[in-house]
Amino acid sequence: MLEIPDDAIDTRASEPWDGAALEQLRYVTASELTRAIASLPIEFRFVVYLDVEGFTEVETADILRCAPGTVKSRLSRAKTRLRAALKEPR
């Protein structure tokens, strides 16, 4: 099982996580996370990967040749889909 350390949580997140959601995510396995990310549309997947790698919205927009607002929107929608996918019974 993959355990996510508290210091790995991004405090810059625009969408706050509730305590119950964080506790649930502590016990997500790597395969569950991989499956959830793989289920995303490709344009969301790229944004998630670049975000995880630490690229800013502006850098990601530059890489993907789109507006920073588009990156922000895609990342928000990707996070929403990932949350839903990871809440489903395993």
C-alpha atoms as a PDB file:
ATOM      1  CA  MET A   1       0.000   0.000   0.000  1.00  0.00           C
ATOM      2  CA  LEU A   2       1.179   3.531  -0.817  1.00  0.00           C
ATOM      3  CA  GLU A   3       0.997   5.898   2.128  1.00  0.00           C
ATOM      4  CA  ILE A   4       1.091   9.603   1.374  1.00  0.00           C
ATOM      5  CA  PRO A   5       3.117  11.577   3.940  1.00  0.00           C
ATOM      6  CA  ASP A   6       1.584  14.740   5.350  1.00  0.00           C
ATOM      7  CA  ASP A   7       4.396  16.911   4.005  1.00  0.00           C
ATOM      8  CA  ALA A   8       3.614  15.765   0.445  1.00  0.00           C
ATOM      9  CA  ILE A   9       0.288  17.577   0.479  1.00  0.00           C
ATOM     10  CA  ASP A  10       0.412  20.710  -1.650  1.00  0.00           C
ATOM     11  CA  THR A  11      -0.612  23.695   0.452  1.00  0.00           C
ATOM     12  CA  ARG A  12      -1.004  25.787  -2.729  1.00  0.00           C
ATOM     13  CA  ALA A  13      -4.052  23.788  -3.769  1.00  0.00           C
ATOM     14  CA  SER A  14      -6.919  26.011  -4.803  1.00  0.00           C
ATOM     15  CA  GLU A  15      -9.473  23.454  -3.675  1.00  0.00           C
ATOM     16  CA  PRO A  16      -9.369  22.566   0.020  1.00  0.00           C
ATOM     17  CA  TRP A  17      -9.429  18.884   0.993  1.00  0.00           C
ATOM     18  CA  ASP A  18     -11.511  17.823   3.936  1.00  0.00           C
ATOM     19  CA  GLY A  19      -9.951  15.650   6.616  1.00  0.00           C
ATOM     20  CA  ALA A  20     -11.986  12.558   5.714  1.00  0.00           C
ATOM     21  CA  ALA A  21     -10.901  12.762   2.059  1.00  0.00           C
ATOM     22  CA  LEU A  22      -7.250  13.057   3.070  1.00  0.00           C
ATOM     23  CA  GLU A  23      -7.525  10.113   5.432  1.00  0.00           C
ATOM     24  CA  GLN A  24      -9.065   7.979   2.678  1.00  0.00           C
ATOM     25  CA  LEU A  25      -6.273   8.887   0.258  1.00  0.00           C
ATOM     26  CA  ARG A  26      -3.580   7.817   2.731  1.00  0.00           C
ATOM     27  CA  TYR A  27      -4.329   4.200   1.883  1.00  0.00           C
ATOM     28  CA  VAL A  28      -4.656   4.410  -1.894  1.00  0.00           C
ATOM     29  CA  THR A  29      -2.430   1.863  -3.588  1.00  0.00           C
ATOM     30  CA  ALA A  30      -0.114   2.786  -6.423  1.00  0.00           C
ATOM     31  CA  SER A  31      -2.088   0.586  -8.811  1.00  0.00           C
ATOM     32  CA  GLU A  32      -5.352   2.317  -7.845  1.00  0.00           C
ATOM     33  CA  LEU A  33      -3.782   5.706  -8.437  1.00  0.00           C
ATOM     34  CA  THR A  34      -2.276   4.580 -11.743  1.00  0.00           C
ATOM     35  CA  ARG A  35      -5.653   3.207 -12.866  1.00  0.00           C
ATOM     36  CA  ALA A  36      -7.437   6.442 -11.861  1.00  0.00           C
ATOM     37  CA  ILE A  37      -4.938   8.615 -13.749  1.00  0.00           C
ATOM     38  CA  ALA A  38      -5.082   6.321 -16.793  1.00  0.00           C
ATOM     39  CA  SER A  39      -8.868   6.746 -16.879  1.00  0.00           C
ATOM     40  CA  LEU A  40      -8.509  10.513 -17.404  1.00  0.00           C
ATOM     41  CA  PRO A  41      -8.768  12.017 -20.889  1.00  0.00           C
ATOM     42  CA  ILE A  42      -5.281  12.579 -22.307  1.00  0.00           C
ATOM     43  CA  GLU A  43      -5.433  16.392 -21.989  1.00  0.00           C
ATOM     44  CA  PHE A  44      -6.171  16.035 -18.268  1.00  0.00           C
ATOM     45  CA  ARG A  45      -3.472  13.385 -17.825  1.00  0.00           C
ATOM     46  CA  PHE A  46      -0.754  15.642 -19.228  1.00  0.00           C
ATOM     47  CA  VAL A  47      -1.743  18.487 -16.917  1.00  0.00           C
ATOM     48  CA  VAL A  48      -1.706  16.173 -13.888  1.00  0.00           C
ATOM     49  CA  TYR A  49       1.720  14.759 -14.780  1.00  0.00           C
ATOM     50  CA  LEU A  50       3.196  18.225 -15.292  1.00  0.00           C
ATOM     51  CA  ASP A  51       1.664  19.459 -12.028  1.00  0.00           C
ATOM     52  CA  VAL A  52       3.120  16.494 -10.135  1.00  0.00           C
ATOM     53  CA  GLU A  53       6.507  17.247 -11.675  1.00  0.00           C
ATOM     54  CA  GLY A  54       6.284  20.764 -10.220  1.00  0.00           C
ATOM     55  CA  PHE A  55       5.654  22.834 -13.321  1.00  0.00           C
ATOM     56  CA  THR A  56       3.685  26.044 -12.755  1.00  0.00           C
ATOM     57  CA  GLU A  57       0.447  26.760 -14.616  1.00  0.00           C
ATOM     58  CA  VAL A  58       2.312  29.207 -16.856  1.00  0.00           C
ATOM     59  CA  GLU A  59       5.063  26.673 -17.638  1.00  0.00           C
ATOM     60  CA  THR A  60       2.490  23.970 -18.300  1.00  0.00           C
ATOM     61  CA  ALA A  61       0.544  26.310 -20.583  1.00  0.00           C
ATOM     62  CA  ASP A  62       3.746  27.018 -22.476  1.00  0.00           C
ATOM     63  CA  ILE A  63       4.511  23.306 -22.860  1.00  0.00           C
ATOM     64  CA  LEU A  64       0.957  22.463 -23.961  1.00  0.00           C
ATOM     65  CA  ARG A  65       0.597  25.645 -26.046  1.00  0.00           C
ATOM     66  CA  CYS A  66      -2.605  26.771 -24.406  1.00  0.00           C
ATOM     67  CA  ALA A  67      -3.715  29.540 -22.054  1.00  0.00           C
ATOM     68  CA  PRO A  68      -2.858  29.335 -18.315  1.00  0.00           C
ATOM     69  CA  GLY A  69      -6.592  29.522 -17.604  1.00  0.00           C
ATOM     70  CA  THR A  70      -7.087  26.369 -19.660  1.00  0.00           C
ATOM     71  CA  VAL A  71      -4.434  24.609 -17.574  1.00  0.00           C
ATOM     72  CA  LYS A  72      -6.113  25.722 -14.356  1.00  0.00           C
ATOM     73  CA  SER A  73      -9.502  24.519 -15.600  1.00  0.00           C
ATOM     74  CA  ARG A  74      -8.170  21.149 -16.800  1.00  0.00           C
ATOM     75  CA  LEU A  75      -6.297  20.568 -13.561  1.00  0.00           C
ATOM     76  CA  SER A  76      -9.388  21.369 -11.519  1.00  0.00           C
ATOM     77  CA  ARG A  77     -11.527  18.990 -13.588  1.00  0.00           C
ATOM     78  CA  ALA A  78      -8.844  16.303 -13.436  1.00  0.00           C
ATOM     79  CA  LYS A  79      -8.672  16.558  -9.631  1.00  0.00           C
ATOM     80  CA  THR A  80     -12.454  16.284  -9.410  1.00  0.00           C
ATOM     81  CA  ARG A  81     -12.423  13.136 -11.577  1.00  0.00           C
ATOM     82  CA  LEU A  82      -9.544  11.628  -9.620  1.00  0.00           C
ATOM     83  CA  ARG A  83     -11.314  12.236  -6.320  1.00  0.00           C
ATOM     84  CA  ALA A  84     -14.441  10.532  -7.655  1.00  0.00           C
ATOM     85  CA  ALA A  85     -12.485   7.596  -9.103  1.00  0.00           C
ATOM     86  CA  LEU A  86     -10.580   7.048  -5.877  1.00  0.00           C
ATOM     87  CA  LYS A  87     -13.766   7.150  -3.768  1.00  0.00           C
ATOM     88  CA  GLU A  88     -15.342   4.286  -5.722  1.00  0.00           C
ATOM     89  CA  PRO A  89     -15.376   0.966  -3.893  1.00  0.00           C
ATOM     90  CA  ARG A  90     -12.318  -1.099  -4.661  1.00  0.00           C
END
